[in-house]
């Protein structure tokens, strides 16, 4: 009996310690009617919006106010864009280390809700001064097509893995500037090239650097995983480039999986879901290329004594388990530099995994030259079509 009491007290002690460590973050999600990014007189709050620190998820009250008990390690707070709204500037704010954080207001702007819309899926822009003409061509084609928004699934910058801080920052700053030139919202997620300094034998960056790893991405672009709703479809951006010491590999970490479960709990059962991420949840491209044992990017990696696939997500089963109860309409990925469409007949429906070709240029796979381009998807009443491929080098 005494042992049970000691165990209970120990558990309660851990719970209290965790509660003490949490810090209160408060603010308001509001209708930024004039688009200036500040809450002015007469601009009402947005009720029922989900706000998160990438761990916990809170819902705004009738007046748009939220209260979030954030983790001590959290460095961003963001709002999941509700249906019928669009971004007004950034939908996230940085969280500095410290105690309670007040006044983290998040602006949104109204848009006409429509069940029919289009979006572009692009990937692997690898932005640098040299590749800017490719990014400009993408922007020109997007302008002509007039989609509702653009998804870019990682490898946004040329390289942050193995270069000094100044070079990595320069690539990030260039991408941020280029993204701002699009006339429609651009939603991005990180790829392996955005992970700052982890190849330390080349970057010479210390793990204690304040922007090491994923922190540089969040410094410039906010949450590395998040969600938004458009036309009744829940779009979930995931970060599938995990890290083991010096190397990246395809994997969803436990914190992200727990967040995914909480985030989807806020969506009605049966909501159609589109996931978008860099390293694919499923792909056959490695089969085309054949097994590769040699550096710099072998096909497998040893993590915690287990051999895992490196260039597809090694725990896709866990991700799909969190998606049960919702309709996975489409899973989008990048990384492979190939336009790829996989379709599986399962559970009385079709489950699809699509990869985007690379914006940065054509690539080689199994002796084939893969065309550079992107895909335009049309959505009607929650159903996403199979997409139309648009070559980037054709005028």
Protein backbone atom coordinates (compact mmCIF):
# COMPACT_ATOMS: atom_id res chain seq x y z
CA UNK A 1 0.00 0.00 0.00
CA UNK A 2 2.84 2.35 0.95
CA UNK A 3 4.58 1.61 -2.39
CA UNK A 4 1.36 2.45 -4.28
CA UNK A 5 1.05 5.73 -2.36
CA UNK A 6 4.67 6.63 -3.12
CA UNK A 7 4.08 5.88 -6.81
CA UNK A 8 0.92 8.03 -6.90
CA UNK A 9 2.71 10.91 -5.19
CA UNK A 10 5.61 10.59 -7.65
CA UNK A 11 3.22 10.73 -10.62
CA UNK A 12 1.45 13.75 -9.13
CA UNK A 13 4.83 15.37 -8.55
CA UNK A 14 5.77 14.93 -12.22
CA UNK A 15 2.40 16.33 -13.31
CA UNK A 16 2.84 19.36 -11.04
CA UNK A 17 6.40 19.91 -12.29
CA UNK A 18 5.16 19.83 -15.89
CA UNK A 19 2.33 22.26 -15.05
CA UNK A 20 4.79 24.63 -13.38
CA UNK A 21 7.06 24.48 -16.42
CA UNK A 22 4.21 25.46 -18.75
CA UNK A 23 3.86 29.15 -19.53
CA UNK A 24 0.66 30.96 -20.30
CA UNK A 25 0.39 32.50 -23.76
CA UNK A 26 -2.61 34.73 -24.42
CA UNK A 27 -3.86 36.84 -27.29
CA UNK A 28 -6.66 37.28 -29.79
CA UNK A 29 -7.29 35.98 -33.28
CA UNK A 30 -8.99 38.87 -35.05
CA UNK A 31 -10.49 40.06 -38.32
CA UNK A 32 -7.83 42.37 -39.74
CA UNK A 33 -10.31 44.19 -41.96
CA UNK A 34 -7.88 46.91 -43.10
CA UNK A 35 -4.97 44.50 -43.57
CA UNK A 36 -2.44 46.44 -41.50
CA UNK A 37 -1.59 43.51 -39.21
CA UNK A 38 -2.71 45.34 -36.04
CA UNK A 39 -6.00 45.11 -34.18
CA UNK A 40 -7.80 48.42 -34.57
CA UNK A 41 -11.08 49.66 -33.14
CA UNK A 42 -14.05 47.82 -34.58
CA UNK A 43 -12.10 44.72 -35.69
CA UNK A 44 -13.85 41.75 -34.04
CA UNK A 45 -12.30 38.55 -32.78
CA UNK A 46 -12.58 35.25 -34.67
CA UNK A 47 -14.30 32.55 -32.55
CA UNK A 48 -13.63 28.82 -32.78
CA UNK A 49 -10.13 29.07 -34.29
CA UNK A 50 -7.44 26.56 -33.24
CA UNK A 51 -4.23 28.07 -31.81
CA UNK A 52 -1.15 25.96 -31.08
CA UNK A 53 2.48 26.03 -29.94
CA UNK A 54 3.08 22.82 -31.99
CA UNK A 55 2.31 20.77 -28.87
CA UNK A 56 -0.93 21.93 -27.27
CA UNK A 57 -4.05 23.12 -29.12
CA UNK A 58 -6.47 25.73 -27.74
CA UNK A 59 -9.69 27.13 -29.26
CA UNK A 60 -10.58 30.81 -29.34
CA UNK A 61 -13.60 32.01 -27.37
CA UNK A 62 -16.55 33.99 -28.73
CA UNK A 63 -14.48 37.18 -28.63
CA UNK A 64 -11.49 35.56 -30.42
CA UNK A 65 -9.39 35.38 -27.22
CA UNK A 66 -7.28 32.32 -26.49
CA UNK A 67 -5.27 31.00 -23.56
CA UNK A 68 -2.60 28.41 -24.25
CA UNK A 69 -0.39 26.64 -21.70
CA UNK A 70 2.68 26.39 -23.89
CA UNK A 71 5.62 24.07 -23.46
CA UNK A 72 8.83 25.73 -22.19
CA UNK A 73 10.66 24.68 -25.37
CA UNK A 74 8.01 26.10 -27.73
CA UNK A 75 9.32 28.98 -29.84
CA UNK A 76 6.28 29.77 -32.03
CA UNK A 77 2.52 30.18 -31.60
CA UNK A 78 0.21 30.00 -34.63
CA UNK A 79 -3.41 29.91 -35.68
CA UNK A 80 -4.74 27.15 -37.93
CA UNK A 81 -6.48 29.11 -40.66
CA UNK A 82 -10.26 28.50 -40.36
CA UNK A 83 -12.43 28.06 -43.43
CA UNK A 84 -13.56 31.38 -44.93
CA UNK A 85 -10.37 33.17 -43.87
CA UNK A 86 -6.98 33.87 -45.42
CA UNK A 87 -3.67 35.04 -43.96
CA UNK A 88 -3.11 38.72 -43.23
CA UNK A 89 0.66 38.70 -43.13
CA UNK A 90 2.03 35.88 -40.99
CA UNK A 91 -0.32 33.59 -39.07
CA UNK A 92 2.34 32.95 -36.41
CA UNK A 93 4.36 34.82 -33.80
CA UNK A 94 7.73 33.93 -32.21
CA UNK A 95 7.76 32.95 -28.56
CA UNK A 96 10.81 34.15 -26.68
CA UNK A 97 12.12 32.16 -23.72
CA UNK A 98 10.68 33.26 -20.41
CA UNK A 99 7.50 33.29 -18.37
CA UNK A 100 3.98 34.23 -19.46
CA UNK A 101 3.61 35.82 -22.89
CA UNK A 102 0.73 38.22 -23.45
CA UNK A 103 -0.66 40.03 -26.47
CA UNK A 104 0.23 37.45 -29.11
CA UNK A 105 -2.51 38.67 -31.47
CA UNK A 106 -2.94 36.81 -34.77
CA UNK A 107 -4.55 38.62 -37.75
CA UNK A 108 -6.74 37.01 -40.41
CA UNK A 109 -8.74 38.44 -43.31
CA UNK A 110 -12.13 37.29 -44.54
CA UNK A 111 -12.52 35.65 -47.92
CA UNK A 112 -15.53 34.29 -49.74
CA UNK A 113 -15.88 30.61 -48.77
CA UNK A 114 -16.17 28.35 -51.81
CA UNK A 115 -16.43 24.58 -52.10
CA UNK A 116 -14.79 24.72 -55.57
CA UNK A 117 -11.20 25.94 -55.76
CA UNK A 118 -7.76 25.18 -57.21
CA UNK A 119 -4.31 24.99 -55.71
CA UNK A 120 -0.77 24.44 -56.94
CA UNK A 121 1.60 21.85 -55.52
CA UNK A 122 5.27 22.69 -56.16
CA UNK A 123 8.44 21.44 -54.49
CA UNK A 124 12.22 21.55 -54.28
CA UNK A 125 12.82 25.16 -55.26
CA UNK A 126 16.39 25.06 -53.82
CA UNK A 127 16.44 28.85 -53.88
CA UNK A 128 19.76 30.63 -54.41
CA UNK A 129 20.86 33.48 -56.63
CA UNK A 130 21.56 30.95 -59.38
CA UNK A 131 18.08 29.37 -59.24
CA UNK A 132 16.06 32.62 -59.05
CA UNK A 133 15.00 32.43 -62.73
CA UNK A 134 13.31 29.09 -61.96
CA UNK A 135 11.41 30.62 -59.04
CA UNK A 136 10.42 33.57 -61.20
CA UNK A 137 9.09 31.23 -63.89
CA UNK A 138 7.02 29.38 -61.27
CA UNK A 139 5.60 32.69 -60.06
CA UNK A 140 4.71 33.80 -63.61
CA UNK A 141 2.87 30.55 -64.33
CA UNK A 142 1.04 30.72 -61.00
CA UNK A 143 -0.03 34.28 -61.80
CA UNK A 144 -1.42 33.16 -65.15
CA UNK A 145 -3.28 30.18 -63.65
CA UNK A 146 -4.73 32.18 -60.71
CA UNK A 147 -5.05 29.34 -58.15
CA UNK A 148 -6.37 30.06 -54.68
CA UNK A 149 -3.04 29.20 -53.06
CA UNK A 150 0.31 27.40 -53.51
CA UNK A 151 1.86 24.58 -51.50
CA UNK A 152 5.67 24.17 -51.59
CA UNK A 153 6.82 20.91 -50.04
CA UNK A 154 10.32 21.53 -48.85
CA UNK A 155 13.90 21.91 -49.96
CA UNK A 156 13.00 25.55 -50.25
CA UNK A 157 16.61 26.73 -50.07
CA UNK A 158 19.79 25.55 -51.73
CA UNK A 159 21.37 24.32 -48.52
CA UNK A 160 21.46 24.93 -44.79
CA UNK A 161 22.68 21.47 -43.80
CA UNK A 162 26.37 21.90 -44.33
CA UNK A 163 27.16 25.61 -44.74
CA UNK A 164 28.12 28.45 -42.38
CA UNK A 165 25.46 30.61 -40.74
CA UNK A 166 25.81 33.62 -43.05
CA UNK A 167 25.34 31.50 -46.18
CA UNK A 168 22.31 29.66 -44.75
CA UNK A 169 20.72 32.94 -43.63
CA UNK A 170 21.23 34.39 -47.10
CA UNK A 171 19.34 31.52 -48.73
CA UNK A 172 16.50 31.80 -46.23
CA UNK A 173 16.22 35.56 -46.69
CA UNK A 174 16.11 35.11 -50.47
CA UNK A 175 13.31 32.54 -50.19
CA UNK A 176 11.27 34.75 -47.84
CA UNK A 177 11.61 37.67 -50.29
CA UNK A 178 10.63 35.51 -53.27
CA UNK A 179 7.62 34.04 -51.48
CA UNK A 180 6.34 37.55 -50.74
CA UNK A 181 6.20 38.29 -54.48
CA UNK A 182 3.43 35.74 -55.09
CA UNK A 183 -0.04 37.24 -55.41
CA UNK A 184 -1.73 34.30 -53.63
CA UNK A 185 -0.95 32.70 -50.25
CA UNK A 186 2.04 30.35 -50.25
CA UNK A 187 2.08 27.59 -47.61
CA UNK A 188 5.46 25.91 -47.17
CA UNK A 189 6.93 23.09 -45.09
CA UNK A 190 10.61 22.23 -44.51
CA UNK A 191 12.72 19.66 -46.26
CA UNK A 192 16.07 18.22 -45.32
CA UNK A 193 17.93 21.16 -46.89
CA UNK A 194 16.34 23.54 -44.37
CA UNK A 195 17.88 21.81 -41.32
CA UNK A 196 20.63 24.19 -40.29
CA UNK A 197 24.12 22.94 -39.55
CA UNK A 198 23.49 19.29 -38.65
CA UNK A 199 26.23 17.99 -40.97
CA UNK A 200 28.67 19.47 -38.48
CA UNK A 201 31.76 17.97 -40.08
CA UNK A 202 31.10 20.36 -42.98
CA UNK A 203 29.13 23.25 -41.45
CA UNK A 204 31.31 23.53 -38.31
CA UNK A 205 28.17 24.67 -36.45
CA UNK A 206 27.75 23.79 -32.77
CA UNK A 207 24.51 22.10 -31.61
CA UNK A 208 24.34 24.92 -29.03
CA UNK A 209 23.93 27.52 -31.78
CA UNK A 210 20.58 29.30 -31.18
CA UNK A 211 19.42 28.55 -34.75
CA UNK A 212 20.75 24.98 -34.95
CA UNK A 213 18.59 22.35 -36.61
CA UNK A 214 14.93 23.29 -37.12
CA UNK A 215 15.22 26.55 -35.19
CA UNK A 216 16.48 28.50 -38.20
CA UNK A 217 13.39 27.43 -40.16
CA UNK A 218 11.07 28.57 -37.39
CA UNK A 219 12.99 31.84 -37.04
CA UNK A 220 12.26 32.75 -40.67
CA UNK A 221 9.12 30.80 -41.59
CA UNK A 222 7.32 29.92 -38.36
CA UNK A 223 5.88 26.49 -37.47
CA UNK A 224 7.44 23.54 -39.25
CA UNK A 225 4.12 21.69 -39.01
CA UNK A 226 0.63 23.19 -38.91
CA UNK A 227 -2.81 23.03 -40.55
CA UNK A 228 -5.39 25.17 -42.31
CA UNK A 229 -8.87 24.63 -43.74
CA UNK A 230 -9.99 25.69 -47.21
CA UNK A 231 -13.25 24.80 -48.92
CA UNK A 232 -14.09 22.22 -46.25
CA UNK A 233 -10.75 20.41 -46.71
CA UNK A 234 -8.22 20.17 -43.86
CA UNK A 235 -4.71 20.75 -45.21
CA UNK A 236 -2.06 19.42 -42.83
CA UNK A 237 1.55 20.45 -43.36
CA UNK A 238 3.95 17.95 -41.79
CA UNK A 239 7.69 17.98 -41.15
CA UNK A 240 8.91 14.56 -42.28
CA UNK A 241 12.68 15.30 -42.23
CA UNK A 242 13.79 14.08 -38.81
CA UNK A 243 17.38 14.12 -37.51
CA UNK A 244 19.66 11.49 -36.00
CA UNK A 245 22.95 13.13 -35.01
CA UNK A 246 24.55 14.22 -38.33
CA UNK A 247 21.92 12.86 -40.71
CA UNK A 248 18.34 13.44 -41.77
CA UNK A 249 15.84 10.67 -42.48
CA UNK A 250 12.12 10.29 -43.21
CA UNK A 251 10.26 10.15 -39.91
CA UNK A 252 7.51 11.83 -37.86
CA UNK A 253 8.62 12.40 -34.27
CA UNK A 254 6.33 11.59 -31.30
CA UNK A 255 5.57 15.25 -30.46
CA UNK A 256 4.36 15.88 -34.00
CA UNK A 257 2.22 12.74 -34.04
CA UNK A 258 0.62 13.80 -30.74
CA UNK A 259 -0.04 17.28 -32.16
CA UNK A 260 -1.56 15.73 -35.32
CA UNK A 261 -4.02 13.78 -33.21
CA UNK A 262 -5.02 16.89 -31.24
CA UNK A 263 -5.30 19.02 -34.36
CA UNK A 264 -7.55 16.58 -36.22
CA UNK A 265 -9.72 16.20 -33.12
CA UNK A 266 -10.81 19.79 -33.75
CA UNK A 267 -12.11 18.86 -37.24
CA UNK A 268 -15.48 17.15 -37.72
CA UNK A 269 -15.38 13.39 -38.29
CA UNK A 270 -15.17 12.51 -41.96
CA UNK A 271 -13.47 15.78 -42.91
CA UNK A 272 -11.42 15.30 -46.10
CA UNK A 273 -7.70 15.73 -45.37
CA UNK A 274 -4.78 16.59 -47.64
CA UNK A 275 -1.33 16.13 -46.12
CA UNK A 276 1.68 17.90 -47.58
CA UNK A 277 5.30 17.30 -46.58
CA UNK A 278 8.77 16.85 -48.03
CA UNK A 279 10.00 13.28 -47.60
CA UNK A 280 7.06 11.21 -48.93
CA UNK A 281 4.77 9.02 -46.87
CA UNK A 282 4.99 6.51 -49.75
CA UNK A 283 7.01 6.44 -52.98
CA UNK A 284 8.37 3.98 -55.57
CA UNK A 285 11.20 6.22 -56.82
CA UNK A 286 13.84 4.47 -54.70
CA UNK A 287 12.81 1.24 -56.41
CA UNK A 288 13.50 2.88 -59.78
CA UNK A 289 16.87 4.17 -58.65
CA UNK A 290 17.91 0.95 -56.92
CA UNK A 291 19.40 0.42 -53.49
CA UNK A 292 22.20 2.85 -52.64
CA UNK A 293 24.72 2.05 -49.88
CA UNK A 294 27.25 4.84 -50.42
CA UNK A 295 27.24 8.47 -49.19
CA UNK A 296 26.05 11.16 -49.38
CA UNK A 297 22.46 9.81 -49.24
CA UNK A 298 22.23 6.02 -48.82
CA UNK A 299 18.84 4.30 -48.98
CA UNK A 300 18.76 3.25 -45.32
CA UNK A 301 19.94 4.55 -41.95
CA UNK A 302 20.54 2.95 -38.54
CA UNK A 303 18.61 4.72 -35.77
CA UNK A 304 18.44 3.33 -32.24
CA UNK A 305 19.74 -0.04 -33.41
CA UNK A 306 17.12 -0.35 -36.18
CA UNK A 307 17.57 -0.09 -39.94
CA UNK A 308 15.06 2.36 -41.43
CA UNK A 309 14.26 3.70 -44.87
CA UNK A 310 15.81 7.13 -45.26
CA UNK A 311 14.01 8.68 -48.25
CA UNK A 312 10.44 7.70 -47.40
CA UNK A 313 8.79 8.15 -44.01
CA UNK A 314 9.75 5.16 -41.90
CA UNK A 315 6.65 5.33 -39.65
CA UNK A 316 3.90 6.12 -42.17
CA UNK A 317 1.73 3.52 -40.41
CA UNK A 318 1.67 5.71 -37.28
CA UNK A 319 0.67 8.78 -39.30
CA UNK A 320 -2.15 6.92 -41.04
CA UNK A 321 -3.41 5.67 -37.67
CA UNK A 322 -3.88 9.29 -36.55
CA UNK A 323 -5.82 10.03 -39.73
CA UNK A 324 -8.43 7.33 -39.10
CA UNK A 325 -11.87 8.84 -38.67
CA UNK A 326 -11.08 11.38 -41.38
CA UNK A 327 -10.87 10.88 -45.13
CA UNK A 328 -7.30 11.03 -46.39
CA UNK A 329 -8.09 12.58 -49.75
CA UNK A 330 -4.49 12.98 -50.92
CA UNK A 331 -0.94 12.78 -49.50
CA UNK A 332 1.48 15.15 -51.22
CA UNK A 333 5.28 14.98 -51.06
CA UNK A 334 8.47 16.17 -52.69
CA UNK A 335 12.14 15.21 -52.22
CA UNK A 336 12.27 12.79 -55.16
CA UNK A 337 12.32 15.49 -57.90
CA UNK A 338 9.78 13.37 -59.79
CA UNK A 339 6.10 13.79 -60.65
CA UNK A 340 4.75 10.54 -59.23
CA UNK A 341 1.21 9.22 -58.63
CA UNK A 342 0.53 6.16 -56.51
CA UNK A 343 -3.01 4.88 -55.92
CA UNK A 344 -4.03 2.04 -53.62
CA UNK A 345 -7.46 0.42 -53.44
CA UNK A 346 -8.02 0.08 -49.69
CA UNK A 347 -10.99 -0.05 -47.32
CA UNK A 348 -13.48 0.54 -50.11
CA UNK A 349 -11.81 3.69 -51.44
CA UNK A 350 -8.68 4.89 -53.20
CA UNK A 351 -5.76 6.17 -51.14
CA UNK A 352 -3.40 8.36 -53.17
CA UNK A 353 0.20 9.45 -52.68
CA UNK A 354 1.50 12.08 -55.14
CA UNK A 355 4.98 13.57 -55.40
CA UNK A 356 5.83 16.83 -57.16
CA UNK A 357 8.59 17.32 -59.69
CA UNK A 358 11.36 19.78 -58.78
CA UNK A 359 11.12 23.47 -59.58
CA UNK A 360 14.91 23.82 -59.55
CA UNK A 361 15.29 21.78 -62.76
CA UNK A 362 15.01 18.38 -64.43
CA UNK A 363 16.48 15.35 -62.67
CA UNK A 364 17.62 11.82 -63.48
CA UNK A 365 15.99 8.62 -62.22
CA UNK A 366 16.67 5.13 -63.60
CA UNK A 367 18.17 6.67 -66.73
CA UNK A 368 15.09 8.81 -67.36
CA UNK A 369 15.20 12.60 -67.45
CA UNK A 370 12.36 13.74 -65.24
CA UNK A 371 10.62 16.96 -66.30
CA UNK A 372 10.73 19.99 -64.05
CA UNK A 373 7.29 21.35 -63.19
CA UNK A 374 4.40 21.48 -60.74
CA UNK A 375 0.83 20.19 -60.46
CA UNK A 376 -2.49 22.05 -60.41
CA UNK A 377 -5.30 20.41 -58.42
CA UNK A 378 -9.00 21.16 -58.67
CA UNK A 379 -11.26 20.61 -55.67
CA UNK A 380 -15.04 20.33 -55.73
CA UNK A 381 -17.16 19.60 -52.65
CA UNK A 382 -14.19 18.13 -50.81
CA UNK A 383 -13.04 15.88 -53.65
CA UNK A 384 -9.56 16.54 -55.08
CA UNK A 385 -8.89 15.50 -58.69
CA UNK A 386 -5.70 13.75 -59.85
CA UNK A 387 -4.09 17.00 -60.86
CA UNK A 388 -2.74 18.47 -64.10
CA UNK A 389 1.02 18.52 -64.52
CA UNK A 390 2.47 21.79 -65.79
CA UNK A 391 6.04 21.63 -67.20
CA UNK A 392 8.08 24.59 -66.06
CA UNK A 393 10.20 24.88 -69.18
CA UNK A 394 7.34 25.19 -71.64
CA UNK A 395 6.09 28.68 -72.49
